[in-house]
Amino acid sequence: MSAIRRAFTLVEILIVVVILGILASIVVPKFSNAVQESSETATLDQLDKVRRALSVYYVQNGSAFPAITEGDGTWAELLTSHMRTPPVNAWVRPENSKKIVIGDRADDAWQGDYAWIYDPATGQVYAGGFSAQDQPFPRE
């Protein structure tokens, strides 16, 4: 009695490969922006935390804002009393993700040289690379 071997034919294998290719072409574009979207969401979350910490500080300290200086994560009293770690802006270059500058308005275009813009007169904070409406500018 001879043993009958059953195997896939070349045509069947090619059909499966084509179907997998079609499925991959549908799924991959949906996830291609996942890293960019997660950076945007993480930065907006950090911005919200900083703004809440500043609001609490303002109320608890007799309508005064903290003396925040320019630098790499120099959030002054906010770090000791209202935040555990400096916020990170994932939208800018990694080496500048904690850097603070003093300014009175949000960015006009994407930049990667600093992470946060702080206005000591108003206590307003903006994320670097985002508009005044907290919308990210396209990265260059």
N, C-alpha and C. Protein backbone atom coordinates (compact mmCIF):
# COMPACT_ATOMS: atom_id res chain seq x y z
N MET A 1 0.82 -1.15 0.00
CA MET A 1 0.00 0.00 0.00
C MET A 1 0.88 1.25 0.00
N SER A 2 0.64 2.12 -0.94
CA SER A 2 1.46 3.31 -1.03
C SER A 2 0.84 4.45 -0.22
N ALA A 3 1.69 5.23 0.39
CA ALA A 3 1.22 6.35 1.20
C ALA A 3 0.98 7.55 0.30
N ILE A 4 -0.16 8.15 0.44
CA ILE A 4 -0.50 9.33 -0.35
C ILE A 4 -0.10 10.56 0.46
N ARG A 5 0.74 11.37 -0.15
CA ARG A 5 1.19 12.59 0.52
C ARG A 5 0.33 13.74 0.04
N ARG A 6 -0.24 14.44 0.99
CA ARG A 6 -1.04 15.60 0.65
C ARG A 6 -0.23 16.83 1.00
N ALA A 7 -0.14 17.75 0.11
CA ALA A 7 0.63 18.97 0.33
C ALA A 7 -0.05 20.12 -0.40
N PHE A 8 0.34 21.33 -0.03
CA PHE A 8 -0.19 22.50 -0.71
C PHE A 8 0.51 22.65 -2.05
N THR A 9 -0.24 23.10 -3.01
CA THR A 9 0.36 23.35 -4.31
C THR A 9 0.95 24.75 -4.31
N LEU A 10 1.78 25.03 -5.27
CA LEU A 10 2.40 26.33 -5.40
C LEU A 10 1.34 27.42 -5.58
N VAL A 11 0.32 27.14 -6.32
CA VAL A 11 -0.74 28.11 -6.56
C VAL A 11 -1.46 28.45 -5.25
N GLU A 12 -1.75 27.45 -4.43
CA GLU A 12 -2.41 27.70 -3.15
C GLU A 12 -1.54 28.57 -2.23
N ILE A 13 -0.27 28.30 -2.19
CA ILE A 13 0.65 29.09 -1.37
C ILE A 13 0.72 30.53 -1.87
N LEU A 14 0.77 30.72 -3.18
CA LEU A 14 0.81 32.06 -3.76
C LEU A 14 -0.48 32.83 -3.44
N ILE A 15 -1.61 32.16 -3.47
CA ILE A 15 -2.88 32.82 -3.15
C ILE A 15 -2.86 33.30 -1.69
N VAL A 16 -2.37 32.49 -0.78
CA VAL A 16 -2.29 32.88 0.63
C VAL A 16 -1.35 34.07 0.80
N VAL A 17 -0.22 34.05 0.13
CA VAL A 17 0.73 35.17 0.22
C VAL A 17 0.10 36.45 -0.31
N VAL A 18 -0.62 36.39 -1.40
CA VAL A 18 -1.27 37.57 -1.96
C VAL A 18 -2.33 38.10 -0.99
N ILE A 19 -3.12 37.23 -0.39
CA ILE A 19 -4.13 37.65 0.57
C ILE A 19 -3.48 38.32 1.78
N LEU A 20 -2.39 37.75 2.28
CA LEU A 20 -1.68 38.35 3.40
C LEU A 20 -1.12 39.72 3.02
N GLY A 21 -0.62 39.85 1.81
CA GLY A 21 -0.11 41.14 1.34
C GLY A 21 -1.19 42.19 1.27
N ILE A 22 -2.36 41.82 0.82
CA ILE A 22 -3.48 42.75 0.74
C ILE A 22 -3.90 43.19 2.15
N LEU A 23 -3.99 42.24 3.06
CA LEU A 23 -4.34 42.58 4.45
C LEU A 23 -3.30 43.49 5.08
N ALA A 24 -2.03 43.23 4.83
CA ALA A 24 -0.96 44.07 5.38
C ALA A 24 -1.04 45.48 4.82
N SER A 25 -1.36 45.61 3.53
CA SER A 25 -1.45 46.94 2.93
C SER A 25 -2.63 47.74 3.49
N ILE A 26 -3.61 47.05 4.03
CA ILE A 26 -4.75 47.74 4.66
C ILE A 26 -4.42 48.13 6.09
N VAL A 27 -3.74 47.27 6.82
CA VAL A 27 -3.50 47.46 8.25
C VAL A 27 -2.32 48.38 8.54
N VAL A 28 -1.22 48.26 7.82
CA VAL A 28 0.00 49.01 8.12
C VAL A 28 -0.20 50.52 8.10
N PRO A 29 -0.89 51.13 7.14
CA PRO A 29 -1.06 52.58 7.17
C PRO A 29 -1.81 53.08 8.40
N LYS A 30 -2.70 52.27 8.94
CA LYS A 30 -3.45 52.68 10.13
C LYS A 30 -2.54 52.83 11.34
N PHE A 31 -1.44 52.09 11.39
CA PHE A 31 -0.53 52.15 12.52
C PHE A 31 0.73 52.95 12.25
N SER A 32 0.89 53.47 11.05
CA SER A 32 2.11 54.20 10.72
C SER A 32 2.23 55.51 11.49
N ASN A 33 1.11 56.11 11.86
CA ASN A 33 1.13 57.36 12.61
C ASN A 33 1.02 57.15 14.11
N ALA A 34 1.10 55.93 14.57
CA ALA A 34 0.90 55.64 15.99
C ALA A 34 1.96 56.31 16.86
N VAL A 35 3.20 56.31 16.44
CA VAL A 35 4.27 56.92 17.23
C VAL A 35 4.05 58.43 17.31
N GLN A 36 3.72 59.04 16.21
CA GLN A 36 3.49 60.48 16.18
C GLN A 36 2.29 60.85 17.05
N GLU A 37 1.22 60.09 16.96
CA GLU A 37 0.04 60.37 17.76
C GLU A 37 0.30 60.16 19.24
N SER A 38 1.09 59.17 19.60
CA SER A 38 1.39 58.94 21.01
C SER A 38 2.28 60.05 21.57
N SER A 39 3.20 60.58 20.78
CA SER A 39 4.03 61.71 21.22
C SER A 39 3.17 62.94 21.45
N GLU A 40 2.24 63.18 20.56
CA GLU A 40 1.33 64.32 20.70
C GLU A 40 0.47 64.18 21.96
N THR A 41 -0.10 63.02 22.16
CA THR A 41 -0.96 62.80 23.32
C THR A 41 -0.18 62.89 24.63
N ALA A 42 1.01 62.33 24.65
CA ALA A 42 1.84 62.39 25.86
C ALA A 42 2.21 63.82 26.20
N THR A 43 2.54 64.62 25.20
CA THR A 43 2.90 66.02 25.44
C THR A 43 1.70 66.81 25.96
N LEU A 44 0.54 66.60 25.38
CA LEU A 44 -0.66 67.30 25.85
C LEU A 44 -1.01 66.90 27.28
N ASP A 45 -0.79 65.64 27.63
CA ASP A 45 -1.01 65.18 29.00
C ASP A 45 -0.06 65.88 29.97
N GLN A 46 1.21 65.96 29.59
CA GLN A 46 2.19 66.64 30.43
C GLN A 46 1.87 68.13 30.57
N LEU A 47 1.43 68.75 29.48
CA LEU A 47 1.06 70.17 29.51
C LEU A 47 -0.11 70.39 30.47
N ASP A 48 -1.07 69.51 30.45
CA ASP A 48 -2.21 69.61 31.36
C ASP A 48 -1.75 69.50 32.81
N LYS A 49 -0.84 68.58 33.09
CA LYS A 49 -0.33 68.41 34.45
C LYS A 49 0.40 69.67 34.93
N VAL A 50 1.20 70.27 34.07
CA VAL A 50 1.93 71.49 34.45
C VAL A 50 0.95 72.61 34.72
N ARG A 51 -0.04 72.76 33.87
CA ARG A 51 -1.02 73.84 34.05
C ARG A 51 -1.81 73.65 35.34
N ARG A 52 -2.18 72.42 35.66
CA ARG A 52 -2.88 72.16 36.91
C ARG A 52 -1.99 72.46 38.11
N ALA A 53 -0.72 72.06 38.04
CA ALA A 53 0.21 72.32 39.14
C ALA A 53 0.39 73.82 39.34
N LEU A 54 0.49 74.58 38.25
CA LEU A 54 0.62 76.03 38.36
C LEU A 54 -0.63 76.65 38.97
N SER A 55 -1.80 76.16 38.61
CA SER A 55 -3.05 76.68 39.18
C SER A 55 -3.11 76.44 40.67
N VAL A 56 -2.76 75.24 41.10
CA VAL A 56 -2.77 74.92 42.53
C VAL A 56 -1.74 75.77 43.26
N TYR A 57 -0.56 75.91 42.69
CA TYR A 57 0.49 76.74 43.31
C TYR A 57 0.00 78.18 43.46
N TYR A 58 -0.62 78.71 42.41
CA TYR A 58 -1.11 80.09 42.42
C TYR A 58 -2.11 80.31 43.56
N VAL A 59 -3.02 79.37 43.73
CA VAL A 59 -4.03 79.49 44.79
C VAL A 59 -3.39 79.35 46.17
N GLN A 60 -2.50 78.41 46.32
CA GLN A 60 -1.89 78.14 47.63
C GLN A 60 -0.86 79.19 48.05
N ASN A 61 -0.39 80.01 47.11
CA ASN A 61 0.67 80.97 47.43
C ASN A 61 0.23 82.42 47.23
N GLY A 62 -0.99 82.71 47.59
CA GLY A 62 -1.46 84.09 47.58
C GLY A 62 -1.42 84.76 46.23
N SER A 63 -1.90 84.09 45.20
CA SER A 63 -1.97 84.65 43.84
C SER A 63 -0.60 85.01 43.28
N ALA A 64 0.39 84.18 43.57
CA ALA A 64 1.74 84.38 43.03
C ALA A 64 2.16 83.13 42.26
N PHE A 65 2.84 83.36 41.16
CA PHE A 65 3.36 82.24 40.38
C PHE A 65 4.78 81.92 40.82
N PRO A 66 5.23 80.69 40.61
CA PRO A 66 6.59 80.33 41.03
C PRO A 66 7.65 81.02 40.16
N ALA A 67 8.82 81.16 40.71
CA ALA A 67 9.95 81.79 40.01
C ALA A 67 10.66 80.73 39.17
N ILE A 68 10.09 80.42 38.04
CA ILE A 68 10.65 79.41 37.14
C ILE A 68 11.67 80.08 36.24
N THR A 69 12.83 79.45 36.09
CA THR A 69 13.89 80.01 35.26
C THR A 69 14.10 79.16 34.02
N GLU A 70 14.76 79.75 33.04
CA GLU A 70 15.09 78.99 31.83
C GLU A 70 16.09 77.90 32.19
N GLY A 71 15.97 76.79 31.51
CA GLY A 71 16.91 75.70 31.74
C GLY A 71 16.28 74.35 31.50
N ASP A 72 17.00 73.34 31.89
CA ASP A 72 16.59 71.96 31.62
C ASP A 72 15.78 71.40 32.79
N GLY A 73 14.48 71.62 32.76
CA GLY A 73 13.61 71.09 33.80
C GLY A 73 13.64 71.87 35.09
N THR A 74 13.89 73.18 35.02
CA THR A 74 13.99 74.02 36.22
C THR A 74 12.61 74.55 36.61
N TRP A 75 11.79 73.70 37.14
CA TRP A 75 10.43 74.09 37.50
C TRP A 75 10.32 74.61 38.93
N ALA A 76 11.43 74.90 39.56
CA ALA A 76 11.48 75.53 40.89
C ALA A 76 10.63 74.79 41.91
N GLU A 77 9.81 75.55 42.61
CA GLU A 77 9.03 74.98 43.70
C GLU A 77 7.98 73.98 43.24
N LEU A 78 7.60 74.02 41.98
CA LEU A 78 6.61 73.06 41.49
C LEU A 78 7.09 71.63 41.64
N LEU A 79 8.39 71.41 41.44
CA LEU A 79 8.92 70.05 41.55
C LEU A 79 8.90 69.54 42.98
N THR A 80 9.10 70.41 43.92
CA THR A 80 9.13 69.96 45.30
C THR A 80 7.74 69.84 45.91
N SER A 81 6.79 70.64 45.42
CA SER A 81 5.49 70.64 46.07
C SER A 81 4.33 70.09 45.24
N HIS A 82 4.40 70.16 43.92
CA HIS A 82 3.24 69.82 43.11
C HIS A 82 3.51 68.79 42.00
N MET A 83 4.74 68.56 41.63
CA MET A 83 5.08 67.58 40.60
C MET A 83 6.25 66.75 41.11
N ARG A 84 6.26 65.49 40.75
CA ARG A 84 7.35 64.62 41.20
C ARG A 84 8.57 64.67 40.28
N THR A 85 8.30 64.79 38.99
CA THR A 85 9.39 64.82 38.00
C THR A 85 9.10 65.93 36.99
N PRO A 86 10.14 66.44 36.36
CA PRO A 86 9.91 67.46 35.33
C PRO A 86 9.11 66.88 34.17
N PRO A 87 8.18 67.64 33.63
CA PRO A 87 7.41 67.15 32.49
C PRO A 87 8.30 67.00 31.25
N VAL A 88 7.93 66.08 30.40
CA VAL A 88 8.68 65.79 29.18
C VAL A 88 7.80 66.10 27.97
N ASN A 89 8.35 66.86 27.04
CA ASN A 89 7.67 67.16 25.78
C ASN A 89 8.22 66.21 24.73
N ALA A 90 7.44 65.20 24.39
CA ALA A 90 7.87 64.19 23.43
C ALA A 90 7.78 64.65 21.98
N TRP A 91 7.26 65.86 21.76
CA TRP A 91 7.09 66.38 20.40
C TRP A 91 8.35 67.04 19.86
N VAL A 92 9.25 67.45 20.76
CA VAL A 92 10.49 68.11 20.34
C VAL A 92 11.64 67.11 20.35
N ARG A 93 12.83 67.58 20.02
CA ARG A 93 14.00 66.69 20.01
C ARG A 93 14.24 66.14 21.41
N PRO A 94 14.60 64.87 21.52
CA PRO A 94 14.77 64.24 22.84
C PRO A 94 15.74 64.96 23.77
N GLU A 95 16.81 65.51 23.23
CA GLU A 95 17.79 66.19 24.09
C GLU A 95 17.25 67.50 24.67
N ASN A 96 16.15 68.01 24.12
CA ASN A 96 15.55 69.25 24.61
C ASN A 96 14.17 69.04 25.23
N SER A 97 13.83 67.82 25.56
CA SER A 97 12.47 67.48 25.97
C SER A 97 12.03 68.04 27.32
N LYS A 98 12.97 68.59 28.10
CA LYS A 98 12.61 69.17 29.40
C LYS A 98 12.97 70.66 29.48
N LYS A 99 13.55 71.19 28.44
CA LYS A 99 14.09 72.56 28.45
C LYS A 99 12.97 73.60 28.47
N ILE A 100 13.12 74.59 29.36
CA ILE A 100 12.15 75.67 29.53
C ILE A 100 12.76 76.97 29.01
N VAL A 101 11.94 77.76 28.32
CA VAL A 101 12.32 79.12 27.94
C VAL A 101 11.25 80.07 28.46
N ILE A 102 11.63 81.32 28.67
CA ILE A 102 10.69 82.34 29.11
C ILE A 102 10.17 83.05 27.87
N GLY A 103 8.86 83.19 27.78
CA GLY A 103 8.24 83.85 26.63
C GLY A 103 6.80 84.21 26.94
N ASP A 104 6.19 84.96 26.04
CA ASP A 104 4.81 85.40 26.30
C ASP A 104 3.81 84.88 25.28
N ARG A 105 4.25 83.98 24.40
CA ARG A 105 3.31 83.41 23.42
C ARG A 105 3.80 82.05 22.96
N ALA A 106 2.88 81.33 22.34
CA ALA A 106 3.20 80.00 21.84
C ALA A 106 4.02 80.11 20.55
N ASP A 107 4.51 78.98 20.10
CA ASP A 107 5.29 78.94 18.86
C ASP A 107 4.41 79.23 17.64
N ASP A 108 5.06 79.67 16.57
CA ASP A 108 4.39 79.90 15.30
C ASP A 108 4.60 78.75 14.32
N ALA A 109 5.55 77.89 14.63
CA ALA A 109 5.88 76.74 13.79
C ALA A 109 6.59 75.71 14.65
N TRP A 110 6.78 74.52 14.10
CA TRP A 110 7.47 73.48 14.86
C TRP A 110 8.92 73.89 15.08
N GLN A 111 9.41 73.57 16.24
CA GLN A 111 10.82 73.75 16.57
C GLN A 111 11.18 72.65 17.55
N GLY A 112 12.42 72.30 17.63
CA GLY A 112 12.84 71.24 18.53
C GLY A 112 13.87 71.68 19.55
N ASP A 113 14.04 73.00 19.70
CA ASP A 113 15.10 73.52 20.55
C ASP A 113 14.74 73.67 22.02
N TYR A 114 13.48 73.63 22.36
CA TYR A 114 13.04 73.72 23.75
C TYR A 114 11.68 73.02 23.87
N ALA A 115 11.33 72.69 25.09
CA ALA A 115 10.11 71.91 25.31
C ALA A 115 8.93 72.74 25.80
N TRP A 116 9.23 73.73 26.63
CA TRP A 116 8.16 74.49 27.27
C TRP A 116 8.42 75.98 27.20
N ILE A 117 7.36 76.76 27.08
CA ILE A 117 7.43 78.22 27.09
C ILE A 117 6.62 78.67 28.31
N TYR A 118 7.26 79.41 29.19
CA TYR A 118 6.60 79.87 30.41
C TYR A 118 6.55 81.38 30.44
N ASP A 119 5.38 81.93 30.72
CA ASP A 119 5.21 83.37 30.86
C ASP A 119 5.03 83.67 32.34
N PRO A 120 6.07 84.21 33.01
CA PRO A 120 5.98 84.45 34.45
C PRO A 120 4.95 85.52 34.83
N ALA A 121 4.60 86.40 33.91
CA ALA A 121 3.63 87.45 34.22
C ALA A 121 2.21 86.90 34.34
N THR A 122 1.88 85.93 33.50
CA THR A 122 0.52 85.38 33.49
C THR A 122 0.44 83.96 34.03
N GLY A 123 1.58 83.29 34.15
CA GLY A 123 1.59 81.90 34.59
C GLY A 123 1.19 80.93 33.49
N GLN A 124 1.10 81.41 32.28
CA GLN A 124 0.71 80.57 31.15
C GLN A 124 1.89 79.70 30.72
N VAL A 125 1.60 78.47 30.35
CA VAL A 125 2.61 77.54 29.84
C VAL A 125 2.14 77.04 28.49
N TYR A 126 3.07 76.99 27.55
CA TYR A 126 2.81 76.44 26.23
C TYR A 126 3.79 75.31 25.96
N ALA A 127 3.37 74.35 25.18
CA ALA A 127 4.27 73.27 24.77
C ALA A 127 5.03 73.73 23.54
N GLY A 128 6.33 73.50 23.52
CA GLY A 128 7.13 73.82 22.35
C GLY A 128 6.68 73.00 21.15
N GLY A 129 6.57 73.65 20.00
CA GLY A 129 6.14 72.96 18.79
C GLY A 129 4.63 72.87 18.65
N PHE A 130 3.89 73.51 19.58
CA PHE A 130 2.43 73.52 19.54
C PHE A 130 1.95 74.96 19.41
N SER A 131 0.75 75.13 18.87
CA SER A 131 0.17 76.46 18.72
C SER A 131 -0.44 76.91 20.05
N ALA A 132 -0.94 78.12 20.09
CA ALA A 132 -1.60 78.64 21.29
C ALA A 132 -2.88 77.88 21.60
N GLN A 133 -3.43 77.20 20.60
CA GLN A 133 -4.63 76.38 20.80
C GLN A 133 -4.28 74.92 21.11
N ASP A 134 -3.02 74.69 21.44
CA ASP A 134 -2.52 73.36 21.79
C ASP A 134 -2.63 72.35 20.64
N GLN A 135 -2.43 72.85 19.44
CA GLN A 135 -2.41 71.99 18.25
C GLN A 135 -0.96 71.84 17.80
N PRO A 136 -0.51 70.61 17.56
CA PRO A 136 0.89 70.43 17.17
C PRO A 136 1.15 70.89 15.73
N PHE A 137 2.32 71.49 15.55
CA PHE A 137 2.76 71.80 14.19
C PHE A 137 3.43 70.57 13.62
N PRO A 138 3.35 70.35 12.31
CA PRO A 138 4.03 69.19 11.71
C PRO A 138 5.53 69.26 11.98
N ARG A 139 6.10 68.12 12.34
CA ARG A 139 7.54 68.05 12.57
C ARG A 139 8.29 68.19 11.26
N GLU A 140 9.46 68.80 11.36
CA GLU A 140 10.29 68.97 10.15
C GLU A 140 11.33 67.88 10.09
